[in-house]
PDB file of N, CA and C in Angstrom:
ATOM      1  N   MET A   1      84.214 281.251  23.165  1.00  0.00           N
ATOM      2  CA  MET A   1      83.932 279.984  23.812  1.00  0.00           C
ATOM      3  C   MET A   1      82.418 279.854  23.981  1.00  0.00           C
ATOM      4  N   GLN A   2      81.861 278.758  23.504  1.00  0.00           N
ATOM      5  CA  GLN A   2      80.428 278.512  23.588  1.00  0.00           C
ATOM      6  C   GLN A   2      80.075 277.961  24.956  1.00  0.00           C
ATOM      7  N   GLU A   3      79.009 278.491  25.522  1.00  0.00           N
ATOM      8  CA  GLU A   3      78.549 278.033  26.823  1.00  0.00           C
ATOM      9  C   GLU A   3      77.650 276.807  26.648  1.00  0.00           C
ATOM     10  N   LEU A   4      77.968 275.723  27.335  1.00  0.00           N
ATOM     11  CA  LEU A   4      77.221 274.472  27.225  1.00  0.00           C
ATOM     12  C   LEU A   4      76.497 274.181  28.529  1.00  0.00           C
ATOM     13  N   ASP A   5      75.329 273.573  28.412  1.00  0.00           N
ATOM     14  CA  ASP A   5      74.571 273.127  29.582  1.00  0.00           C
ATOM     15  C   ASP A   5      74.743 271.626  29.726  1.00  0.00           C
ATOM     16  N   ARG A   6      74.490 271.124  30.931  1.00  0.00           N
ATOM     17  CA  ARG A   6      74.684 269.700  31.194  1.00  0.00           C
ATOM     18  C   ARG A   6      73.479 269.115  31.910  1.00  0.00           C
ATOM     19  N   LEU A   7      73.164 267.908  31.535  1.00  0.00           N
ATOM     20  CA  LEU A   7      72.259 267.050  32.285  1.00  0.00           C
ATOM     21  C   LEU A   7      73.085 265.862  32.748  1.00  0.00           C
ATOM     22  N   PHE A   8      72.479 264.954  33.475  1.00  0.00           N
ATOM     23  CA  PHE A   8      73.268 263.841  34.002  1.00  0.00           C
ATOM     24  C   PHE A   8      73.771 262.919  32.901  1.00  0.00           C
ATOM     25  N   HIS A   9      73.171 262.958  31.711  1.00  0.00           N
ATOM     26  CA  HIS A   9      73.576 262.033  30.658  1.00  0.00           C
ATOM     27  C   HIS A   9      74.065 262.718  29.379  1.00  0.00           C
ATOM     28  N   CYS A  10      74.080 264.065  29.333  1.00  0.00           N
ATOM     29  CA  CYS A  10      74.491 264.718  28.085  1.00  0.00           C
ATOM     30  C   CYS A  10      74.951 266.160  28.333  1.00  0.00           C
ATOM     31  N   THR A  11      75.636 266.680  27.352  1.00  0.00           N
ATOM     32  CA  THR A  11      76.023 268.076  27.299  1.00  0.00           C
ATOM     33  C   THR A  11      75.386 268.652  26.052  1.00  0.00           C
ATOM     34  N   TYR A  12      74.773 269.837  26.176  1.00  0.00           N
ATOM     35  CA  TYR A  12      74.006 270.337  25.046  1.00  0.00           C
ATOM     36  C   TYR A  12      74.006 271.867  24.982  1.00  0.00           C
ATOM     37  N   SER A  13      73.664 272.367  23.829  1.00  0.00           N
ATOM     38  CA  SER A  13      73.385 273.775  23.595  1.00  0.00           C
ATOM     39  C   SER A  13      72.372 273.817  22.451  1.00  0.00           C
ATOM     40  N   HIS A  14      71.100 273.860  22.808  1.00  0.00           N
ATOM     41  CA  HIS A  14      70.030 273.776  21.816  1.00  0.00           C
ATOM     42  C   HIS A  14      69.205 275.063  21.847  1.00  0.00           C
ATOM     43  N   HIS A  15      69.364 275.882  20.827  1.00  0.00           N
ATOM     44  CA  HIS A  15      68.606 277.119  20.701  1.00  0.00           C
ATOM     45  C   HIS A  15      67.635 276.984  19.537  1.00  0.00           C
ATOM     46  N   SER A  16      66.428 277.482  19.726  1.00  0.00           N
ATOM     47  CA  SER A  16      65.424 277.475  18.662  1.00  0.00           C
ATOM     48  C   SER A  16      64.924 278.899  18.453  1.00  0.00           C
ATOM     49  N   HIS A  17      64.826 279.294  17.204  1.00  0.00           N
ATOM     50  CA  HIS A  17      64.304 280.606  16.840  1.00  0.00           C
ATOM     51  C   HIS A  17      62.902 280.397  16.288  1.00  0.00           C
ATOM     52  N   LEU A  18      61.909 280.911  17.000  1.00  0.00           N
ATOM     53  CA  LEU A  18      60.517 280.771  16.591  1.00  0.00           C
ATOM     54  C   LEU A  18      59.992 282.126  16.132  1.00  0.00           C
ATOM     55  N   VAL A  19      59.297 282.127  15.025  1.00  0.00           N
ATOM     56  CA  VAL A  19      58.636 283.337  14.536  1.00  0.00           C
ATOM     57  C   VAL A  19      57.155 283.016  14.459  1.00  0.00           C
ATOM     58  N   LEU A  20      56.360 283.741  15.229  1.00  0.00           N
ATOM     59  CA  LEU A  20      54.914 283.543  15.255  1.00  0.00           C
ATOM     60  C   LEU A  20      54.271 284.736  14.568  1.00  0.00           C
ATOM     61  N   VAL A  21      53.468 284.472  13.549  1.00  0.00           N
ATOM     62  CA  VAL A  21      52.854 285.551  12.777  1.00  0.00           C
ATOM     63  C   VAL A  21      51.345 285.563  12.990  1.00  0.00           C
ATOM     64  N   THR A  22      50.750 286.716  12.791  1.00  0.00           N
ATOM     65  CA  THR A  22      49.298 286.846  12.871  1.00  0.00           C
ATOM     66  C   THR A  22      48.679 286.356  11.562  1.00  0.00           C
ATOM     67  N   LYS A  23      47.421 286.029  11.608  1.00  0.00           N
ATOM     68  CA  LYS A  23      46.732 285.558  10.412  1.00  0.00           C
ATOM     69  C   LYS A  23      46.697 286.672   9.367  1.00  0.00           C
ATOM     70  N   TYR A  24      47.051 286.316   8.173  1.00  0.00           N
ATOM     71  CA  TYR A  24      47.149 287.249   7.047  1.00  0.00           C
ATOM     72  C   TYR A  24      48.134 288.386   7.301  1.00  0.00           C
ATOM     73  N   ARG A  25      49.045 288.189   8.243  1.00  0.00           N
ATOM     74  CA  ARG A  25      50.059 289.204   8.611  1.00  0.00           C
ATOM     75  C   ARG A  25      49.419 290.549   8.955  1.00  0.00           C
ATOM     76  N   ARG A  26      48.250 290.506   9.592  1.00  0.00           N
ATOM     77  CA  ARG A  26      47.580 291.743  10.002  1.00  0.00           C
ATOM     78  C   ARG A  26      48.375 292.421  11.100  1.00  0.00           C
ATOM     79  N   ARG A  27      48.428 293.723  11.048  1.00  0.00           N
ATOM     80  CA  ARG A  27      49.178 294.516  12.030  1.00  0.00           C
ATOM     81  C   ARG A  27      48.274 294.807  13.234  1.00  0.00           C
ATOM     82  N   CYS A  28      48.237 293.881  14.174  1.00  0.00           N
ATOM     83  CA  CYS A  28      47.324 294.027  15.306  1.00  0.00           C
ATOM     84  C   CYS A  28      48.017 293.905  16.662  1.00  0.00           C
ATOM     85  N   ILE A  29      49.320 293.717  16.712  1.00  0.00           N
ATOM     86  CA  ILE A  29      50.036 293.566  17.981  1.00  0.00           C
ATOM     87  C   ILE A  29      50.532 294.937  18.421  1.00  0.00           C
ATOM     88  N   SER A  30      50.048 295.391  19.567  1.00  0.00           N
ATOM     89  CA  SER A  30      50.433 296.694  20.107  1.00  0.00           C
ATOM     90  C   SER A  30      51.516 296.515  21.178  1.00  0.00           C
ATOM     91  N   ALA A  31      52.040 297.625  21.664  1.00  0.00           N
ATOM     92  CA  ALA A  31      53.094 297.571  22.699  1.00  0.00           C
ATOM     93  C   ALA A  31      52.605 296.912  23.988  1.00  0.00           C
ATOM     94  N   PRO A  32      51.403 297.258  24.510  1.00  0.00           N
ATOM     95  CA  PRO A  32      50.931 296.550  25.713  1.00  0.00           C
ATOM     96  C   PRO A  32      50.734 295.056  25.468  1.00  0.00           C
ATOM     97  N   MET A  33      50.299 294.708  24.270  1.00  0.00           N
ATOM     98  CA  MET A  33      50.121 293.301  23.939  1.00  0.00           C
ATOM     99  C   MET A  33      51.465 292.579  23.898  1.00  0.00           C
ATOM    100  N   LEU A  34      52.511 293.238  23.391  1.00  0.00           N
ATOM    101  CA  LEU A  34      53.851 292.643  23.386  1.00  0.00           C
ATOM    102  C   LEU A  34      54.337 292.372  24.804  1.00  0.00           C
ATOM    103  N   ALA A  35      54.085 293.316  25.716  1.00  0.00           N
ATOM    104  CA  ALA A  35      54.485 293.121  27.112  1.00  0.00           C
ATOM    105  C   ALA A  35      53.742 291.928  27.721  1.00  0.00           C
ATOM    106  N   PHE A  36      52.456 291.800  27.422  1.00  0.00           N
ATOM    107  CA  PHE A  36      51.667 290.676  27.913  1.00  0.00           C
ATOM    108  C   PHE A  36      52.191 289.362  27.339  1.00  0.00           C
ATOM    109  N   LEU A  37      52.464 289.335  26.031  1.00  0.00           N
ATOM    110  CA  LEU A  37      52.975 288.129  25.389  1.00  0.00           C
ATOM    111  C   LEU A  37      54.322 287.712  25.963  1.00  0.00           C
ATOM    112  N   LYS A  38      55.176 288.688  26.219  1.00  0.00           N
ATOM    113  CA  LYS A  38      56.490 288.372  26.795  1.00  0.00           C
ATOM    114  C   LYS A  38      56.333 287.710  28.164  1.00  0.00           C
ATOM    115  N   ALA A  39      55.448 288.243  28.996  1.00  0.00           N
ATOM    116  CA  ALA A  39      55.210 287.654  30.318  1.00  0.00           C
ATOM    117  C   ALA A  39      54.672 286.227  30.184  1.00  0.00           C
ATOM    118  N   GLN A  40      53.760 286.009  29.252  1.00  0.00           N
ATOM    119  CA  GLN A  40      53.191 284.679  29.055  1.00  0.00           C
ATOM    120  C   GLN A  40      54.240 283.693  28.549  1.00  0.00           C
ATOM    121  N   PHE A  41      55.078 284.130  27.606  1.00  0.00           N
ATOM    122  CA  PHE A  41      56.117 283.248  27.080  1.00  0.00           C
ATOM    123  C   PHE A  41      57.160 282.927  28.151  1.00  0.00           C
ATOM    124  N   GLU A  42      57.514 283.912  28.988  1.00  0.00           N
ATOM    125  CA  GLU A  42      58.463 283.640  30.073  1.00  0.00           C
ATOM    126  C   GLU A  42      57.900 282.601  31.034  1.00  0.00           C
ATOM    127  N   ARG A  43      56.610 282.724  31.359  1.00  0.00           N
ATOM    128  CA  ARG A  43      55.967 281.754  32.255  1.00  0.00           C
ATOM    129  C   ARG A  43      55.954 280.365  31.632  1.00  0.00           C
ATOM    130  N   LEU A  44      55.610 280.292  30.358  1.00  0.00           N
ATOM    131  CA  LEU A  44      55.548 279.006  29.659  1.00  0.00           C
ATOM    132  C   LEU A  44      56.923 278.347  29.567  1.00  0.00           C
ATOM    133  N   VAL A  45      57.931 279.141  29.251  1.00  0.00           N
ATOM    134  CA  VAL A  45      59.287 278.607  29.099  1.00  0.00           C
ATOM    135  C   VAL A  45      59.808 278.074  30.436  1.00  0.00           C
ATOM    136  N   GLU A  46      59.548 278.795  31.520  1.00  0.00           N
ATOM    137  CA  GLU A  46      59.989 278.323  32.838  1.00  0.00           C
ATOM    138  C   GLU A  46      59.264 277.043  33.228  1.00  0.00           C
ATOM    139  N   LYS A  47      57.988 276.932  32.865  1.00  0.00           N
ATOM    140  CA  LYS A  47      57.208 275.719  33.170  1.00  0.00           C
ATOM    141  C   LYS A  47      57.834 274.498  32.508  1.00  0.00           C
ATOM    142  N   TRP A  48      58.389 274.674  31.306  1.00  0.00           N
ATOM    143  CA  TRP A  48      58.997 273.573  30.566  1.00  0.00           C
ATOM    144  C   TRP A  48      60.468 273.357  30.943  1.00  0.00           C
ATOM    145  N   GLY A  49      61.031 274.177  31.826  1.00  0.00           N
ATOM    146  CA  GLY A  49      62.420 274.013  32.234  1.00  0.00           C
ATOM    147  C   GLY A  49      63.403 274.518  31.194  1.00  0.00           C
ATOM    148  N   CYS A  50      62.992 275.529  30.434  1.00  0.00           N
ATOM    149  CA  CYS A  50      63.825 276.099  29.380  1.00  0.00           C
ATOM    150  C   CYS A  50      64.128 277.555  29.725  1.00  0.00           C
ATOM    151  N   GLU A  51      64.713 278.290  28.786  1.00  0.00           N
ATOM    152  CA  GLU A  51      65.088 279.677  29.035  1.00  0.00           C
ATOM    153  C   GLU A  51      64.754 280.529  27.814  1.00  0.00           C
ATOM    154  N   LEU A  52      64.116 281.669  28.059  1.00  0.00           N
ATOM    155  CA  LEU A  52      63.831 282.625  26.995  1.00  0.00           C
ATOM    156  C   LEU A  52      65.036 283.544  26.879  1.00  0.00           C
ATOM    157  N   VAL A  53      65.811 283.399  25.813  1.00  0.00           N
ATOM    158  CA  VAL A  53      67.037 284.173  25.629  1.00  0.00           C
ATOM    159  C   VAL A  53      66.715 285.563  25.101  1.00  0.00           C
ATOM    160  N   GLU A  54      65.814 285.622  24.111  1.00  0.00           N
ATOM    161  CA  GLU A  54      65.500 286.912  23.503  1.00  0.00           C
ATOM    162  C   GLU A  54      64.047 286.909  23.035  1.00  0.00           C
ATOM    163  N   PHE A  55      63.402 288.067  23.177  1.00  0.00           N
ATOM    164  CA  PHE A  55      62.021 288.252  22.733  1.00  0.00           C
ATOM    165  C   PHE A  55      61.929 289.612  22.055  1.00  0.00           C
ATOM    166  N   ASN A  56      61.300 289.632  20.890  1.00  0.00           N
ATOM    167  CA  ASN A  56      61.133 290.873  20.158  1.00  0.00           C
ATOM    168  C   ASN A  56      59.899 290.732  19.286  1.00  0.00           C
ATOM    169  N   GLY A  57      59.290 291.839  18.940  1.00  0.00           N
ATOM    170  CA  GLY A  57      58.107 291.741  18.107  1.00  0.00           C
ATOM    171  C   GLY A  57      57.828 293.004  17.322  1.00  0.00           C
ATOM    172  N   GLU A  58      56.995 292.842  16.335  1.00  0.00           N
ATOM    173  CA  GLU A  58      56.511 293.939  15.504  1.00  0.00           C
ATOM    174  C   GLU A  58      55.000 293.798  15.424  1.00  0.00           C
ATOM    175  N   PRO A  59      54.308 294.740  14.792  1.00  0.00           N
ATOM    176  CA  PRO A  59      52.841 294.661  14.768  1.00  0.00           C
ATOM    177  C   PRO A  59      52.267 293.416  14.106  1.00  0.00           C
ATOM    178  N   ASP A  60      53.042 292.712  13.275  1.00  0.00           N
ATOM    179  CA  ASP A  60      52.485 291.539  12.600  1.00  0.00           C
ATOM    180  C   ASP A  60      53.192 290.231  12.922  1.00  0.00           C
ATOM    181  N   HIS A  61      54.238 290.243  13.756  1.00  0.00           N
ATOM    182  CA  HIS A  61      54.895 288.995  14.136  1.00  0.00           C
ATOM    183  C   HIS A  61      55.725 289.159  15.413  1.00  0.00           C
ATOM    184  N   VAL A  62      56.080 288.018  15.994  1.00  0.00           N
ATOM    185  CA  VAL A  62      56.859 287.976  17.238  1.00  0.00           C
ATOM    186  C   VAL A  62      58.016 287.007  17.047  1.00  0.00           C
ATOM    187  N   HIS A  63      59.211 287.391  17.513  1.00  0.00           N
ATOM    188  CA  HIS A  63      60.397 286.530  17.468  1.00  0.00           C
ATOM    189  C   HIS A  63      60.714 286.044  18.874  1.00  0.00           C
ATOM    190  N   LEU A  64      61.006 284.753  18.980  1.00  0.00           N
ATOM    191  CA  LEU A  64      61.433 284.153  20.244  1.00  0.00           C
ATOM    192  C   LEU A  64      62.722 283.380  20.004  1.00  0.00           C
ATOM    193  N   LEU A  65      63.707 283.587  20.838  1.00  0.00           N
ATOM    194  CA  LEU A  65      64.903 282.756  20.833  1.00  0.00           C
ATOM    195  C   LEU A  65      64.886 282.004  22.157  1.00  0.00           C
ATOM    196  N   VAL A  66      64.706 280.693  22.065  1.00  0.00           N
ATOM    197  CA  VAL A  66      64.505 279.866  23.248  1.00  0.00           C
ATOM    198  C   VAL A  66      65.626 278.849  23.354  1.00  0.00           C
ATOM    199  N   LYS A  67      66.150 278.713  24.557  1.00  0.00           N
ATOM    200  CA  LYS A  67      67.158 277.689  24.853  1.00  0.00           C
ATOM    201  C   LYS A  67      66.403 276.490  25.417  1.00  0.00           C
ATOM    202  N   LEU A  68      66.250 275.457  24.588  1.00  0.00           N
ATOM    203  CA  LEU A  68      65.435 274.297  24.963  1.00  0.00           C
ATOM    204  C   LEU A  68      66.257 273.236  25.685  1.00  0.00           C
ATOM    205  N   ASN A  69      65.587 272.559  26.569  1.00  0.00           N
ATOM    206  CA  ASN A  69      66.126 271.414  27.280  1.00  0.00           C
ATOM    207  C   ASN A  69      65.964 270.195  26.370  1.00  0.00           C
ATOM    208  N   PRO A  70      66.926 269.272  26.292  1.00  0.00           N
ATOM    209  CA  PRO A  70      66.777 268.122  25.400  1.00  0.00           C
ATOM    210  C   PRO A  70      65.632 267.180  25.784  1.00  0.00           C
ATOM    211  N   LYS A  71      65.136 267.278  26.995  1.00  0.00           N
ATOM    212  CA  LYS A  71      63.995 266.447  27.398  1.00  0.00           C
ATOM    213  C   LYS A  71      62.690 266.942  26.774  1.00  0.00           C
ATOM    214  N   VAL A  72      62.701 268.178  26.269  1.00  0.00           N
ATOM    215  CA  VAL A  72      61.501 268.780  25.692  1.00  0.00           C
ATOM    216  C   VAL A  72      61.519 268.576  24.181  1.00  0.00           C
ATOM    217  N   GLN A  73      60.445 268.015  23.656  1.00  0.00           N
ATOM    218  CA  GLN A  73      60.328 267.861  22.213  1.00  0.00           C
ATOM    219  C   GLN A  73      59.924 269.206  21.620  1.00  0.00           C
ATOM    220  N   PRO A  74      60.646 269.689  20.607  1.00  0.00           N
ATOM    221  CA  PRO A  74      60.330 270.998  20.040  1.00  0.00           C
ATOM    222  C   PRO A  74      58.893 271.106  19.528  1.00  0.00           C
ATOM    223  N   ALA A  75      58.358 270.071  18.916  1.00  0.00           N
ATOM    224  CA  ALA A  75      56.985 270.121  18.410  1.00  0.00           C
ATOM    225  C   ALA A  75      55.981 270.261  19.550  1.00  0.00           C
ATOM    226  N   THR A  76      56.199 269.551  20.637  1.00  0.00           N
ATOM    227  CA  THR A  76      55.310 269.648  21.797  1.00  0.00           C
ATOM    228  C   THR A  76      55.389 271.025  22.418  1.00  0.00           C
ATOM    229  N   PHE A  77      56.590 271.571  22.503  1.00  0.00           N
ATOM    230  CA  PHE A  77      56.775 272.909  23.058  1.00  0.00           C
ATOM    231  C   PHE A  77      56.034 273.952  22.223  1.00  0.00           C
ATOM    232  N   VAL A  78      56.166 273.896  20.915  1.00  0.00           N
ATOM    233  CA  VAL A  78      55.524 274.868  20.027  1.00  0.00           C
ATOM    234  C   VAL A  78      54.008 274.727  20.100  1.00  0.00           C
ATOM    235  N   ASN A  79      53.505 273.503  20.171  1.00  0.00           N
ATOM    236  CA  ASN A  79      52.057 273.309  20.233  1.00  0.00           C
ATOM    237  C   ASN A  79      51.449 273.852  21.528  1.00  0.00           C
ATOM    238  N   ASN A  80      52.242 273.944  22.586  1.00  0.00           N
ATOM    239  CA  ASN A  80      51.723 274.493  23.831  1.00  0.00           C
ATOM    240  C   ASN A  80      51.797 275.996  23.824  1.00  0.00           C
TER     241      ASN A  80
END
């Protein structure tokens, strides 16, 4: 059974998978940097009224699985 969220005018389940890579895929992301990035992404997601479902990373990229609110435009969210 899929879990759905509700607003006063709609029912939704909107997940976005974002992959952010370093320039030229350079291996420059360390473990302390991943912890810092996770804290920053959690703060940003809460500010937008969304939820960070999963966060993972490697030295050259970071994966985010975000549960977006339909009031938030995905392009605006990514640009921030």
